């Protein structure tokens, strides 16, 4: 995976967009050991807490929280 990230950085730099490491997240089980220094610099997110554009990716507390927030917003809207 580290080689893939490095390739994305290289290609991106050659066509213009820059890779912002400060915005990167690494979704992995907390027990997973990450040896690559670049990947270690990414914010670590547990699989159970992973979201994509505000949508929970897996069943669990994060999905429950996202749905509860959406329900709350929908109940507050005037009819």
C-alpha atoms as a PDB file:
ATOM      1  CA  UNK A   1       0.000   0.000   0.000  1.00  0.00           C
ATOM      2  CA  UNK A   2       2.852   2.376   0.770  1.00  0.00           C
ATOM      3  CA  UNK A   3       4.160   1.972  -2.784  1.00  0.00           C
ATOM      4  CA  UNK A   4       0.698   2.822  -4.154  1.00  0.00           C
ATOM      5  CA  UNK A   5       0.536   5.991  -2.049  1.00  0.00           C
ATOM      6  CA  UNK A   6       4.026   6.981  -3.188  1.00  0.00           C
ATOM      7  CA  UNK A   7       2.985   6.447  -6.824  1.00  0.00           C
ATOM      8  CA  UNK A   8      -0.115   8.620  -6.332  1.00  0.00           C
ATOM      9  CA  UNK A   9       2.106  11.365  -4.913  1.00  0.00           C
ATOM     10  CA  UNK A  10       4.534  11.133  -7.839  1.00  0.00           C
ATOM     11  CA  UNK A  11       1.858  11.135 -10.546  1.00  0.00           C
ATOM     12  CA  UNK A  12      -0.089  13.893  -8.821  1.00  0.00           C
ATOM     13  CA  UNK A  13       2.982  16.079  -8.580  1.00  0.00           C
ATOM     14  CA  UNK A  14       3.746  15.545 -12.267  1.00  0.00           C
ATOM     15  CA  UNK A  15       0.289  16.741 -13.372  1.00  0.00           C
ATOM     16  CA  UNK A  16      -0.238  19.521 -10.866  1.00  0.00           C
ATOM     17  CA  UNK A  17      -2.202  18.552  -7.737  1.00  0.00           C
ATOM     18  CA  UNK A  18      -0.169  18.187  -4.584  1.00  0.00           C
ATOM     19  CA  UNK A  19      -0.713  15.468  -2.008  1.00  0.00           C
ATOM     20  CA  UNK A  20      -1.710  16.929   1.374  1.00  0.00           C
ATOM     21  CA  UNK A  21      -0.527  14.450   4.003  1.00  0.00           C
ATOM     22  CA  UNK A  22      -2.271  16.498   6.714  1.00  0.00           C
ATOM     23  CA  UNK A  23      -5.638  15.543   5.188  1.00  0.00           C
ATOM     24  CA  UNK A  24      -4.888  11.816   4.905  1.00  0.00           C
ATOM     25  CA  UNK A  25      -6.440   9.112   7.027  1.00  0.00           C
ATOM     26  CA  UNK A  26      -5.436   5.494   7.404  1.00  0.00           C
ATOM     27  CA  UNK A  27      -8.362   3.192   8.153  1.00  0.00           C
ATOM     28  CA  UNK A  28      -7.071   0.082   9.872  1.00  0.00           C
ATOM     29  CA  UNK A  29      -7.613  -2.171  12.845  1.00  0.00           C
ATOM     30  CA  UNK A  30      -5.858  -0.647  15.872  1.00  0.00           C
ATOM     31  CA  UNK A  31      -3.785  -3.831  16.229  1.00  0.00           C
ATOM     32  CA  UNK A  32      -2.319  -3.406  12.737  1.00  0.00           C
ATOM     33  CA  UNK A  33       1.345  -2.427  12.748  1.00  0.00           C
ATOM     34  CA  UNK A  34       2.249   0.262  10.226  1.00  0.00           C
ATOM     35  CA  UNK A  35       5.969   0.315   9.422  1.00  0.00           C
ATOM     36  CA  UNK A  36       6.065   2.886   6.606  1.00  0.00           C
ATOM     37  CA  UNK A  37       6.922   6.412   7.852  1.00  0.00           C
ATOM     38  CA  UNK A  38       4.611   8.105   5.324  1.00  0.00           C
ATOM     39  CA  UNK A  39       1.634   5.954   6.314  1.00  0.00           C
ATOM     40  CA  UNK A  40       2.468   6.486   9.990  1.00  0.00           C
ATOM     41  CA  UNK A  41       2.022  10.223   9.439  1.00  0.00           C
ATOM     42  CA  UNK A  42      -1.620   9.737   8.377  1.00  0.00           C
ATOM     43  CA  UNK A  43      -4.367  10.179  10.961  1.00  0.00           C
ATOM     44  CA  UNK A  44      -5.269   6.700  12.215  1.00  0.00           C
ATOM     45  CA  UNK A  45      -8.982   5.790  12.089  1.00  0.00           C
ATOM     46  CA  UNK A  46     -10.324   2.530  13.515  1.00  0.00           C
ATOM     47  CA  UNK A  47     -12.346   0.478  11.033  1.00  0.00           C
ATOM     48  CA  UNK A  48     -15.433   0.732  13.254  1.00  0.00           C
ATOM     49  CA  UNK A  49     -15.213   4.552  13.108  1.00  0.00           C
ATOM     50  CA  UNK A  50     -14.648   4.893   9.361  1.00  0.00           C
ATOM     51  CA  UNK A  51     -16.837   7.248   7.340  1.00  0.00           C
ATOM     52  CA  UNK A  52     -16.790   8.397   3.744  1.00  0.00           C
ATOM     53  CA  UNK A  53     -18.272  11.820   3.015  1.00  0.00           C
ATOM     54  CA  UNK A  54     -20.191  11.634   6.285  1.00  0.00           C
ATOM     55  CA  UNK A  55     -21.606   8.149   5.692  1.00  0.00           C
ATOM     56  CA  UNK A  56     -20.607   5.328   8.024  1.00  0.00           C
ATOM     57  CA  UNK A  57     -18.933   2.465   6.191  1.00  0.00           C
ATOM     58  CA  UNK A  58     -19.702  -0.329   8.659  1.00  0.00           C
ATOM     59  CA  UNK A  59     -22.371  -1.357  11.156  1.00  0.00           C
ATOM     60  CA  UNK A  60     -21.718  -0.236  14.691  1.00  0.00           C
ATOM     61  CA  UNK A  61     -21.670   2.870  16.879  1.00  0.00           C
ATOM     62  CA  UNK A  62     -20.582   5.199  14.077  1.00  0.00           C
ATOM     63  CA  UNK A  63     -23.484   4.129  11.855  1.00  0.00           C
ATOM     64  CA  UNK A  64     -25.879   4.559  14.779  1.00  0.00           C
ATOM     65  CA  UNK A  65     -24.503   8.043  15.451  1.00  0.00           C
ATOM     66  CA  UNK A  66     -24.774   9.119  11.796  1.00  0.00           C
ATOM     67  CA  UNK A  67     -28.362   7.889  11.535  1.00  0.00           C
ATOM     68  CA  UNK A  68     -29.312   9.528  14.852  1.00  0.00           C
ATOM     69  CA  UNK A  69     -27.905  12.862  13.653  1.00  0.00           C
ATOM     70  CA  UNK A  70     -29.816  12.597  10.366  1.00  0.00           C
ATOM     71  CA  UNK A  71     -33.037  11.734  12.164  1.00  0.00           C
ATOM     72  CA  UNK A  72     -32.543  14.670  14.520  1.00  0.00           C
ATOM     73  CA  UNK A  73     -31.988  17.054  11.591  1.00  0.00           C
ATOM     74  CA  UNK A  74     -35.054  15.766   9.772  1.00  0.00           C
ATOM     75  CA  UNK A  75     -37.230  16.197  12.859  1.00  0.00           C
ATOM     76  CA  UNK A  76     -36.123  19.814  13.234  1.00  0.00           C
ATOM     77  CA  UNK A  77     -37.114  20.796   9.688  1.00  0.00           C
ATOM     78  CA  UNK A  78     -40.347  22.707   9.372  1.00  0.00           C
ATOM     79  CA  UNK A  79     -43.072  20.843   7.522  1.00  0.00           C
END
